[in-house]
Amino acid sequence: MQNLTTRQSSRETVSTISSKGQVTLPVKVRIHLGVKPNGQVAFVIEPSGDVKVTHVKYPDIQSLRGVAGTLKQHLSFKEMRAIAREDRLTNKYGK
C-alpha cells in the first residue's frame, strides 16, 4: 500500500516564497546556522542539483579582522616571509 500523504521529516522545514521571491528563514534554520539579524546566507547549487544554504561567516574583508589573532611583536614583511617559508618546508619535508 502506498502512502499518499507527504510527510515532513524532522530535518525538513518548509517556508513559503513571497510574490517578490523572498523567503523567511524559519527560526530552527536561523538557530542551526547561527544567523543573526542582518546576517547573510549563501545558496550553493551542488552538481547534483541540490541547493545548500550556508551561513556566510566573513562577508567582506573587514569582517576578517582579528580572526587570525595578533602578533606579540611587530614583524617586518621579510621576517614574516622567512617564517612562512620555514613553515611550508617543515610541512612538506618534516623536521
N, C-alpha and C. Protein backbone atom coordinates (compact mmCIF):
# COMPACT_ATOMS: atom_id res chain seq x y z
N MET A 1 0.84 -1.18 0.00
CA MET A 1 0.00 0.00 0.00
C MET A 1 0.89 1.24 0.00
N GLN A 2 0.56 2.20 -0.82
CA GLN A 2 1.36 3.41 -0.96
C GLN A 2 0.78 4.53 -0.11
N ASN A 3 1.65 5.27 0.56
CA ASN A 3 1.23 6.40 1.37
C ASN A 3 1.03 7.61 0.45
N LEU A 4 -0.17 8.15 0.43
CA LEU A 4 -0.46 9.27 -0.49
C LEU A 4 -0.24 10.64 0.13
N THR A 5 -0.01 10.68 1.43
CA THR A 5 0.24 11.98 2.06
C THR A 5 1.74 12.20 2.15
N THR A 6 2.14 13.44 2.03
CA THR A 6 3.56 13.74 2.16
C THR A 6 3.84 14.06 3.62
N ARG A 7 4.94 13.56 4.08
CA ARG A 7 5.34 13.82 5.46
C ARG A 7 6.59 14.66 5.48
N GLN A 8 6.63 15.55 6.41
CA GLN A 8 7.80 16.39 6.58
C GLN A 8 8.75 15.68 7.53
N SER A 9 9.99 15.46 7.12
CA SER A 9 10.95 14.81 8.00
C SER A 9 11.34 15.77 9.11
N SER A 10 11.94 15.23 10.18
CA SER A 10 12.33 16.08 11.31
C SER A 10 13.43 17.06 10.93
N ARG A 11 14.12 16.79 9.84
CA ARG A 11 15.20 17.68 9.40
C ARG A 11 14.74 18.62 8.29
N GLU A 12 13.50 18.55 7.91
CA GLU A 12 12.98 19.38 6.84
C GLU A 12 12.07 20.46 7.42
N THR A 13 12.32 21.70 7.03
CA THR A 13 11.48 22.81 7.45
C THR A 13 11.03 23.53 6.20
N VAL A 14 9.74 23.76 6.09
CA VAL A 14 9.16 24.36 4.89
C VAL A 14 8.93 25.85 5.11
N SER A 15 9.20 26.64 4.07
CA SER A 15 8.95 28.07 4.09
C SER A 15 8.31 28.45 2.77
N THR A 16 7.50 29.50 2.77
CA THR A 16 6.79 29.93 1.58
C THR A 16 7.55 31.06 0.88
N ILE A 17 7.55 31.03 -0.44
CA ILE A 17 8.20 32.07 -1.23
C ILE A 17 7.16 33.16 -1.51
N SER A 18 7.53 34.41 -1.24
CA SER A 18 6.62 35.54 -1.47
C SER A 18 6.53 35.86 -2.96
N SER A 19 5.63 36.75 -3.32
CA SER A 19 5.49 37.15 -4.73
C SER A 19 6.74 37.86 -5.24
N LYS A 20 7.58 38.37 -4.33
CA LYS A 20 8.83 39.02 -4.71
C LYS A 20 10.00 38.04 -4.72
N GLY A 21 9.71 36.76 -4.50
CA GLY A 21 10.77 35.75 -4.49
C GLY A 21 11.52 35.68 -3.18
N GLN A 22 10.99 36.27 -2.13
CA GLN A 22 11.66 36.28 -0.84
C GLN A 22 11.21 35.12 0.03
N VAL A 23 12.13 34.63 0.84
CA VAL A 23 11.85 33.53 1.75
C VAL A 23 12.27 33.96 3.15
N THR A 24 11.43 33.71 4.13
CA THR A 24 11.79 33.95 5.51
C THR A 24 12.41 32.67 6.05
N LEU A 25 13.63 32.78 6.61
CA LEU A 25 14.26 31.60 7.18
C LEU A 25 13.58 31.27 8.50
N PRO A 26 13.07 30.07 8.64
CA PRO A 26 12.42 29.68 9.88
C PRO A 26 13.39 29.74 11.07
N VAL A 27 12.85 29.93 12.25
CA VAL A 27 13.66 30.06 13.47
C VAL A 27 14.63 28.89 13.62
N LYS A 28 14.15 27.67 13.42
CA LYS A 28 15.01 26.48 13.55
C LYS A 28 16.24 26.58 12.65
N VAL A 29 16.03 27.05 11.43
CA VAL A 29 17.13 27.16 10.47
C VAL A 29 18.09 28.26 10.89
N ARG A 30 17.55 29.41 11.31
CA ARG A 30 18.43 30.52 11.75
C ARG A 30 19.27 30.10 12.94
N ILE A 31 18.67 29.38 13.88
CA ILE A 31 19.42 28.92 15.05
C ILE A 31 20.48 27.92 14.62
N HIS A 32 20.11 26.98 13.77
CA HIS A 32 21.05 25.95 13.31
C HIS A 32 22.26 26.58 12.60
N LEU A 33 22.00 27.57 11.76
CA LEU A 33 23.08 28.23 11.01
C LEU A 33 23.82 29.27 11.83
N GLY A 34 23.23 29.71 12.94
CA GLY A 34 23.85 30.76 13.74
C GLY A 34 23.72 32.12 13.08
N VAL A 35 22.64 32.32 12.32
CA VAL A 35 22.44 33.57 11.60
C VAL A 35 21.71 34.57 12.50
N LYS A 36 22.25 35.74 12.60
CA LYS A 36 21.66 36.83 13.40
C LYS A 36 20.98 37.82 12.46
N PRO A 37 20.16 38.74 12.99
CA PRO A 37 19.57 39.77 12.13
C PRO A 37 20.65 40.51 11.35
N ASN A 38 20.39 40.77 10.10
CA ASN A 38 21.32 41.41 9.16
C ASN A 38 22.49 40.50 8.77
N GLY A 39 22.45 39.23 9.20
CA GLY A 39 23.47 38.27 8.78
C GLY A 39 23.22 37.89 7.33
N GLN A 40 24.12 37.12 6.78
CA GLN A 40 24.00 36.71 5.39
C GLN A 40 24.05 35.19 5.27
N VAL A 41 23.33 34.67 4.28
CA VAL A 41 23.39 33.26 3.94
C VAL A 41 23.77 33.14 2.48
N ALA A 42 24.35 32.00 2.14
CA ALA A 42 24.72 31.73 0.75
C ALA A 42 23.94 30.51 0.28
N PHE A 43 23.47 30.55 -0.96
CA PHE A 43 22.79 29.43 -1.58
C PHE A 43 23.78 28.80 -2.56
N VAL A 44 24.12 27.54 -2.32
CA VAL A 44 25.10 26.85 -3.13
C VAL A 44 24.39 25.77 -3.94
N ILE A 45 24.48 25.84 -5.26
CA ILE A 45 23.88 24.83 -6.13
C ILE A 45 24.92 23.74 -6.34
N GLU A 46 24.64 22.55 -5.81
CA GLU A 46 25.54 21.41 -5.90
C GLU A 46 25.47 20.80 -7.31
N PRO A 47 26.51 20.07 -7.73
CA PRO A 47 26.48 19.42 -9.04
C PRO A 47 25.28 18.47 -9.20
N SER A 48 24.82 17.92 -8.08
CA SER A 48 23.68 17.00 -8.12
C SER A 48 22.36 17.73 -8.38
N GLY A 49 22.38 19.07 -8.27
CA GLY A 49 21.17 19.86 -8.43
C GLY A 49 20.56 20.29 -7.11
N ASP A 50 21.02 19.69 -6.01
CA ASP A 50 20.53 20.09 -4.70
C ASP A 50 21.05 21.49 -4.38
N VAL A 51 20.30 22.20 -3.56
CA VAL A 51 20.71 23.54 -3.14
C VAL A 51 21.00 23.51 -1.64
N LYS A 52 22.16 24.01 -1.27
CA LYS A 52 22.58 24.02 0.13
C LYS A 52 22.57 25.48 0.61
N VAL A 53 22.08 25.69 1.82
CA VAL A 53 22.08 27.03 2.42
C VAL A 53 23.14 27.03 3.52
N THR A 54 24.06 27.98 3.46
CA THR A 54 25.11 28.07 4.47
C THR A 54 25.19 29.50 5.01
N HIS A 55 25.75 29.61 6.19
CA HIS A 55 25.95 30.91 6.82
C HIS A 55 27.23 31.53 6.28
N VAL A 56 27.18 32.78 5.90
CA VAL A 56 28.37 33.50 5.43
C VAL A 56 29.03 34.10 6.66
N LYS A 57 30.15 33.51 7.08
CA LYS A 57 30.82 33.99 8.30
C LYS A 57 31.60 35.27 8.06
N TYR A 58 32.21 35.38 6.89
CA TYR A 58 33.05 36.53 6.60
C TYR A 58 32.61 37.14 5.27
N PRO A 59 31.58 37.98 5.29
CA PRO A 59 31.03 38.52 4.04
C PRO A 59 31.94 39.52 3.33
N ASP A 60 32.87 40.13 4.06
CA ASP A 60 33.78 41.09 3.43
C ASP A 60 35.13 41.05 4.13
N ILE A 61 36.10 41.70 3.57
CA ILE A 61 37.47 41.66 4.09
C ILE A 61 37.56 42.26 5.49
N GLN A 62 36.74 43.25 5.79
CA GLN A 62 36.79 43.88 7.11
C GLN A 62 36.34 42.92 8.21
N SER A 63 35.47 41.97 7.88
CA SER A 63 34.98 41.04 8.89
C SER A 63 36.05 40.02 9.30
N LEU A 64 37.14 39.95 8.54
CA LEU A 64 38.23 39.03 8.87
C LEU A 64 39.18 39.58 9.93
N ARG A 65 39.04 40.86 10.25
CA ARG A 65 39.95 41.49 11.20
C ARG A 65 39.95 40.75 12.53
N GLY A 66 41.12 40.35 12.98
CA GLY A 66 41.27 39.68 14.25
C GLY A 66 41.05 38.18 14.22
N VAL A 67 40.62 37.62 13.10
CA VAL A 67 40.33 36.19 13.02
C VAL A 67 41.59 35.37 13.27
N ALA A 68 42.70 35.80 12.72
CA ALA A 68 43.94 35.04 12.84
C ALA A 68 44.69 35.35 14.14
N GLY A 69 44.14 36.22 14.97
CA GLY A 69 44.82 36.59 16.20
C GLY A 69 45.75 37.77 15.97
N THR A 70 46.59 38.03 16.94
CA THR A 70 47.52 39.15 16.83
C THR A 70 48.93 38.66 17.17
N LEU A 71 49.90 39.37 16.68
CA LEU A 71 51.29 39.05 16.97
C LEU A 71 51.71 39.73 18.26
N LYS A 72 52.59 39.07 19.01
CA LYS A 72 53.09 39.66 20.26
C LYS A 72 54.07 40.79 19.97
N GLN A 73 54.69 40.72 18.81
CA GLN A 73 55.63 41.76 18.41
C GLN A 73 55.48 42.04 16.93
N HIS A 74 55.87 43.22 16.51
CA HIS A 74 55.79 43.60 15.11
C HIS A 74 56.87 42.85 14.32
N LEU A 75 56.47 42.31 13.17
CA LEU A 75 57.43 41.65 12.29
C LEU A 75 57.44 42.36 10.95
N SER A 76 58.62 42.44 10.36
CA SER A 76 58.72 43.02 9.02
C SER A 76 58.20 42.00 8.02
N PHE A 77 57.95 42.46 6.81
CA PHE A 77 57.49 41.55 5.76
C PHE A 77 58.53 40.47 5.51
N LYS A 78 59.80 40.84 5.53
CA LYS A 78 60.89 39.90 5.30
C LYS A 78 60.89 38.80 6.38
N GLU A 79 60.67 39.20 7.64
CA GLU A 79 60.63 38.21 8.73
C GLU A 79 59.42 37.28 8.59
N MET A 80 58.26 37.85 8.23
CA MET A 80 57.06 37.02 8.05
C MET A 80 57.25 36.04 6.90
N ARG A 81 57.86 36.50 5.85
CA ARG A 81 58.10 35.63 4.69
C ARG A 81 59.04 34.49 5.04
N ALA A 82 60.07 34.76 5.84
CA ALA A 82 61.01 33.72 6.26
C ALA A 82 60.31 32.67 7.14
N ILE A 83 59.44 33.13 8.04
CA ILE A 83 58.70 32.21 8.90
C ILE A 83 57.75 31.35 8.06
N ALA A 84 57.06 31.98 7.11
CA ALA A 84 56.13 31.24 6.24
C ALA A 84 56.89 30.20 5.42
N ARG A 85 58.06 30.55 4.91
CA ARG A 85 58.87 29.61 4.12
C ARG A 85 59.29 28.43 4.99
N GLU A 86 59.74 28.74 6.21
CA GLU A 86 60.16 27.68 7.13
C GLU A 86 58.97 26.75 7.45
N ASP A 87 57.81 27.32 7.71
CA ASP A 87 56.61 26.51 7.99
C ASP A 87 56.25 25.63 6.80
N ARG A 88 56.31 26.21 5.60
CA ARG A 88 55.97 25.45 4.39
C ARG A 88 56.93 24.28 4.19
N LEU A 89 58.22 24.53 4.38
CA LEU A 89 59.20 23.45 4.22
C LEU A 89 59.05 22.39 5.31
N THR A 90 58.74 22.80 6.52
CA THR A 90 58.51 21.84 7.59
C THR A 90 57.31 20.97 7.30
N ASN A 91 56.24 21.58 6.80
CA ASN A 91 55.03 20.81 6.44
C ASN A 91 55.31 19.85 5.29
N LYS A 92 56.15 20.27 4.35
CA LYS A 92 56.40 19.46 3.16
C LYS A 92 57.40 18.32 3.46
N TYR A 93 58.46 18.61 4.21
CA TYR A 93 59.52 17.63 4.42
C TYR A 93 59.64 17.13 5.86
N GLY A 94 58.91 17.72 6.78
CA GLY A 94 59.03 17.34 8.18
C GLY A 94 60.24 17.96 8.80
N LYS A 95 60.45 17.68 10.07
CA LYS A 95 61.60 18.29 10.77
C LYS A 95 62.84 17.49 10.60
